[in-house]
Amino acid sequence: MESREATERIVHVVDDDADLLRAISRLLRSHGYASRTYSSAAEFLGAGVPDGPACLLLDLNMPGMTGLELQQVISDYPSRLSIVFISGQGDIPATVRAMKAGAVDFLTKPFDGDVLIAAIDAAVRRSHTAQASEDALQKDWDLFQTLSPRERQVCLLFAQGMLNKQIAFELGTAERTIKAQRGSVMRKLGADSVPDVVRLVVRLRDASRLP
């Protein structure tokens, strides 16, 4: 896969119309984007699905693998690509499927250049937002992993609102021991308050990182 830095200002364009690929590349350059073009879904996959934030401008109907099929394949990758579909015909069922699967927009050819750039800008913003959220979640997880097994137990229990004496009873240890472990948890997590710890635990649970 490509590095994240290499994909941040690149729009990947997949379309079997060579003239359209050239026209879109010129338009993207005029708006500060670099582009990489592919004549088929297979060619795009062969080049490697980028793992960083980027936009994929994807034709709906192509020989071989269709745009919708490629969207499904990409969903199995750890990728932050945001997809904008383009199509030569208005296909409402396909549009619905694409949007339900997470596409940012669906444009019908011929489309206005400003409309296309606006859709790409939105896709890039979404992609970067998703990547920032993933990075923040990974930071939370890395901090949680610095806790010892007993500190993790203490962390989860006081995040539930339990008092030190209640945690001590639950774990069969002294209250002063729990107080010390709780202080260690706060330091290792870089938390200034109990609500900070609660929010970190909630974020990890919402992401299925914790039971």
Protein backbone atom coordinates (compact mmCIF):
# COMPACT_ATOMS: atom_id res chain seq x y z
CA MET A 1 0.00 0.00 0.00
CA GLU A 2 1.04 3.57 -0.51
CA SER A 3 2.11 5.75 2.40
CA ARG A 4 -0.44 8.14 3.83
CA GLU A 5 1.71 11.15 2.94
CA ALA A 6 1.72 10.12 -0.71
CA THR A 7 -2.05 10.08 -1.02
CA GLU A 8 -3.21 13.22 0.77
CA ARG A 9 -3.46 15.47 -2.34
CA ILE A 10 -4.06 12.75 -4.89
CA VAL A 11 -7.37 11.92 -6.52
CA HIS A 12 -7.54 8.42 -7.97
CA VAL A 13 -9.71 8.36 -11.09
CA VAL A 14 -11.05 5.08 -12.50
CA ASP A 15 -12.87 5.30 -15.85
CA ASP A 16 -12.61 3.43 -19.14
CA ASP A 17 -12.96 6.70 -21.14
CA ALA A 18 -9.41 7.86 -21.91
CA ASP A 19 -10.52 11.32 -23.06
CA LEU A 20 -12.45 11.89 -19.86
CA LEU A 21 -9.46 10.78 -17.79
CA ARG A 22 -7.28 13.39 -19.49
CA ALA A 23 -9.89 16.13 -19.05
CA ILE A 24 -10.38 15.35 -15.36
CA SER A 25 -6.62 15.26 -14.78
CA ARG A 26 -6.29 18.76 -16.25
CA LEU A 27 -9.16 20.02 -14.12
CA LEU A 28 -7.69 18.54 -10.97
CA ARG A 29 -4.27 20.08 -11.64
CA SER A 30 -5.86 23.49 -12.02
CA HIS A 31 -7.33 23.12 -8.52
CA GLY A 32 -4.16 21.95 -6.82
CA TYR A 33 -4.79 18.22 -6.93
CA ALA A 34 -2.53 15.57 -8.37
CA SER A 35 -4.24 12.65 -10.06
CA ARG A 36 -3.61 9.03 -10.85
CA THR A 37 -5.72 7.52 -13.58
CA TYR A 38 -6.77 3.93 -14.23
CA SER A 39 -8.72 2.51 -17.15
CA SER A 40 -10.28 -0.31 -15.11
CA ALA A 41 -10.98 -1.47 -11.59
CA ALA A 42 -8.43 -4.25 -12.06
CA GLU A 43 -5.73 -1.72 -12.94
CA PHE A 44 -6.55 0.30 -9.83
CA LEU A 45 -6.40 -2.77 -7.58
CA GLY A 46 -3.19 -3.87 -9.23
CA ALA A 47 -1.56 -0.57 -8.29
CA GLY A 48 -2.44 -1.09 -4.63
CA VAL A 49 -5.30 0.40 -2.63
CA PRO A 50 -4.01 3.49 -0.76
CA ASP A 51 -4.34 3.32 3.01
CA GLY A 52 -4.28 7.04 3.71
CA PRO A 53 -6.89 9.78 3.22
CA ALA A 54 -7.69 10.30 -0.46
CA CYS A 55 -10.56 10.59 -2.93
CA LEU A 56 -11.52 7.95 -5.46
CA LEU A 57 -13.47 9.23 -8.47
CA LEU A 58 -15.10 6.09 -9.78
CA ASP A 59 -17.09 5.33 -12.93
CA LEU A 60 -20.20 3.27 -12.27
CA ASN A 61 -20.32 1.21 -15.46
CA MET A 62 -17.08 -0.28 -16.76
CA PRO A 63 -16.14 -3.48 -18.57
CA GLY A 64 -15.16 -6.21 -16.15
CA MET A 65 -15.56 -5.19 -12.53
CA THR A 66 -18.11 -2.39 -12.13
CA GLY A 67 -17.72 0.62 -9.88
CA LEU A 68 -20.14 -0.81 -7.32
CA GLU A 69 -18.22 -4.08 -7.26
CA LEU A 70 -14.95 -2.21 -6.74
CA GLN A 71 -16.55 -0.23 -3.90
CA GLN A 72 -17.43 -3.53 -2.23
CA VAL A 73 -13.89 -4.86 -2.65
CA ILE A 74 -12.38 -1.70 -1.19
CA SER A 75 -14.61 -2.01 1.88
CA ASP A 76 -12.54 -5.04 2.89
CA TYR A 77 -9.32 -2.97 2.95
CA PRO A 78 -8.10 -0.81 5.86
CA SER A 79 -8.48 2.23 3.62
CA ARG A 80 -9.79 5.76 4.21
CA LEU A 81 -10.71 6.37 0.58
CA SER A 82 -13.82 8.49 0.07
CA ILE A 83 -15.65 7.66 -3.15
CA VAL A 84 -17.39 9.96 -5.62
CA PHE A 85 -19.24 8.04 -8.33
CA ILE A 86 -19.70 9.27 -11.88
CA SER A 87 -22.07 7.72 -14.38
CA GLY A 88 -23.17 8.27 -17.97
CA GLN A 89 -26.79 7.58 -17.06
CA GLY A 90 -29.14 8.26 -14.22
CA ASP A 91 -29.44 4.97 -12.36
CA ILE A 92 -31.45 5.54 -9.18
CA PRO A 93 -31.09 2.02 -7.71
CA ALA A 94 -27.32 2.13 -8.25
CA THR A 95 -27.16 5.60 -6.73
CA VAL A 96 -28.99 4.38 -3.64
CA ARG A 97 -26.69 1.37 -3.30
CA ALA A 98 -23.58 3.51 -3.68
CA MET A 99 -24.69 6.09 -1.12
CA LYS A 100 -25.79 3.45 1.40
CA ALA A 101 -22.35 1.88 1.05
CA GLY A 102 -20.73 5.18 1.97
CA ALA A 103 -20.16 7.11 -1.26
CA VAL A 104 -19.88 10.88 -0.80
CA ASP A 105 -21.66 11.85 -4.03
CA PHE A 106 -22.99 10.52 -7.31
CA LEU A 107 -22.65 12.70 -10.42
CA THR A 108 -24.19 12.11 -13.83
CA LYS A 109 -22.13 12.83 -16.97
CA PRO A 110 -21.72 15.41 -18.33
CA PHE A 111 -21.08 17.27 -15.08
CA ASP A 112 -19.98 20.82 -14.37
CA GLY A 113 -16.33 21.16 -13.37
CA ASP A 114 -17.13 23.24 -10.29
CA VAL A 115 -19.67 20.65 -9.15
CA LEU A 116 -17.07 17.90 -9.55
CA ILE A 117 -14.42 19.82 -7.60
CA ALA A 118 -16.92 20.58 -4.83
CA ALA A 119 -17.71 16.86 -4.54
CA ILE A 120 -14.00 15.97 -4.47
CA ASP A 121 -13.30 18.63 -1.83
CA ALA A 122 -16.08 17.15 0.33
CA ALA A 123 -14.71 13.64 -0.17
CA VAL A 124 -11.20 14.69 0.80
CA ARG A 125 -12.48 16.44 3.94
CA ARG A 126 -14.44 13.35 4.94
CA SER A 127 -11.44 11.14 4.32
CA HIS A 128 -9.16 13.29 6.48
CA THR A 129 -11.77 13.50 9.24
CA ALA A 130 -12.11 9.72 9.27
CA GLN A 131 -8.33 9.31 9.40
CA ALA A 132 -8.01 11.80 12.26
CA SER A 133 -10.67 9.89 14.21
CA GLU A 134 -8.87 6.61 13.58
CA ASP A 135 -5.55 8.12 14.68
CA ALA A 136 -7.13 9.46 17.87
CA LEU A 137 -8.69 6.07 18.60
CA GLN A 138 -5.36 4.34 18.07
CA LYS A 139 -3.74 6.79 20.50
CA ASP A 140 -6.41 5.94 23.10
CA TRP A 141 -5.79 2.23 22.57
CA ASP A 142 -2.01 2.59 22.79
CA LEU A 143 -2.39 4.45 26.10
CA PHE A 144 -4.75 1.80 27.47
CA GLN A 145 -2.23 -0.89 26.53
CA THR A 146 0.38 0.76 28.79
CA LEU A 147 -1.73 -0.24 31.82
CA SER A 148 -0.95 -3.43 33.68
CA PRO A 149 -3.69 -6.11 33.74
CA ARG A 150 -4.75 -5.06 37.24
CA GLU A 151 -4.69 -1.36 36.29
CA ARG A 152 -7.00 -2.15 33.37
CA GLN A 153 -9.44 -3.79 35.77
CA VAL A 154 -9.31 -0.77 38.07
CA CYS A 155 -9.70 1.60 35.13
CA LEU A 156 -12.81 -0.13 33.83
CA LEU A 157 -14.39 -0.33 37.27
CA PHE A 158 -13.88 3.29 38.27
CA ALA A 159 -14.98 4.34 34.77
CA GLN A 160 -18.28 2.66 35.71
CA GLY A 161 -18.55 5.02 38.69
CA MET A 162 -17.40 2.66 41.42
CA LEU A 163 -15.66 4.12 44.49
CA ASN A 164 -12.21 2.99 45.62
CA LYS A 165 -13.64 0.94 48.50
CA GLN A 166 -16.12 -0.73 46.14
CA ILE A 167 -13.35 -1.61 43.68
CA ALA A 168 -11.20 -2.92 46.54
CA PHE A 169 -14.04 -5.19 47.66
CA GLU A 170 -14.68 -6.32 44.07
CA LEU A 171 -11.01 -7.20 43.50
CA GLY A 172 -10.28 -8.45 47.02
CA THR A 173 -7.55 -5.99 47.88
CA ALA A 174 -6.90 -2.98 50.11
CA GLU A 175 -8.48 0.39 49.41
CA ARG A 176 -5.10 2.12 49.62
CA THR A 177 -3.81 -0.22 46.91
CA ILE A 178 -6.71 0.73 44.64
CA LYS A 179 -6.06 4.42 45.34
CA ALA A 180 -2.44 4.02 44.22
CA GLN A 181 -3.40 2.02 41.14
CA ARG A 182 -6.05 4.57 40.26
CA GLY A 183 -3.44 7.33 40.41
CA SER A 184 -1.17 5.28 38.16
CA VAL A 185 -4.03 4.81 35.67
CA MET A 186 -4.64 8.55 35.54
CA ARG A 187 -0.95 9.29 34.94
CA LYS A 188 -0.48 6.65 32.25
CA LEU A 189 -3.61 7.74 30.38
CA GLY A 190 -2.67 11.42 30.64
CA ALA A 191 -6.06 12.07 32.21
CA ASP A 192 -6.76 15.22 34.23
CA SER A 193 -10.05 13.98 35.63
CA VAL A 194 -12.28 10.93 35.96
CA PRO A 195 -14.52 12.14 33.08
CA ASP A 196 -11.44 12.04 30.82
CA VAL A 197 -10.99 8.36 31.65
CA VAL A 198 -14.69 7.65 31.20
CA ARG A 199 -14.69 9.26 27.76
CA LEU A 200 -11.60 7.24 26.71
CA VAL A 201 -13.23 3.99 27.84
CA VAL A 202 -16.48 4.88 26.07
CA ARG A 203 -14.61 5.63 22.83
CA LEU A 204 -12.82 2.30 22.98
CA ARG A 205 -16.04 0.44 23.74
CA ASP A 206 -17.91 2.18 20.93
CA ALA A 207 -15.14 1.07 18.58
CA SER A 208 -15.40 -2.51 19.91
CA ARG A 209 -11.87 -2.34 21.32
CA LEU A 210 -13.22 -3.19 24.78
CA PRO A 211 -16.02 -5.53 25.88
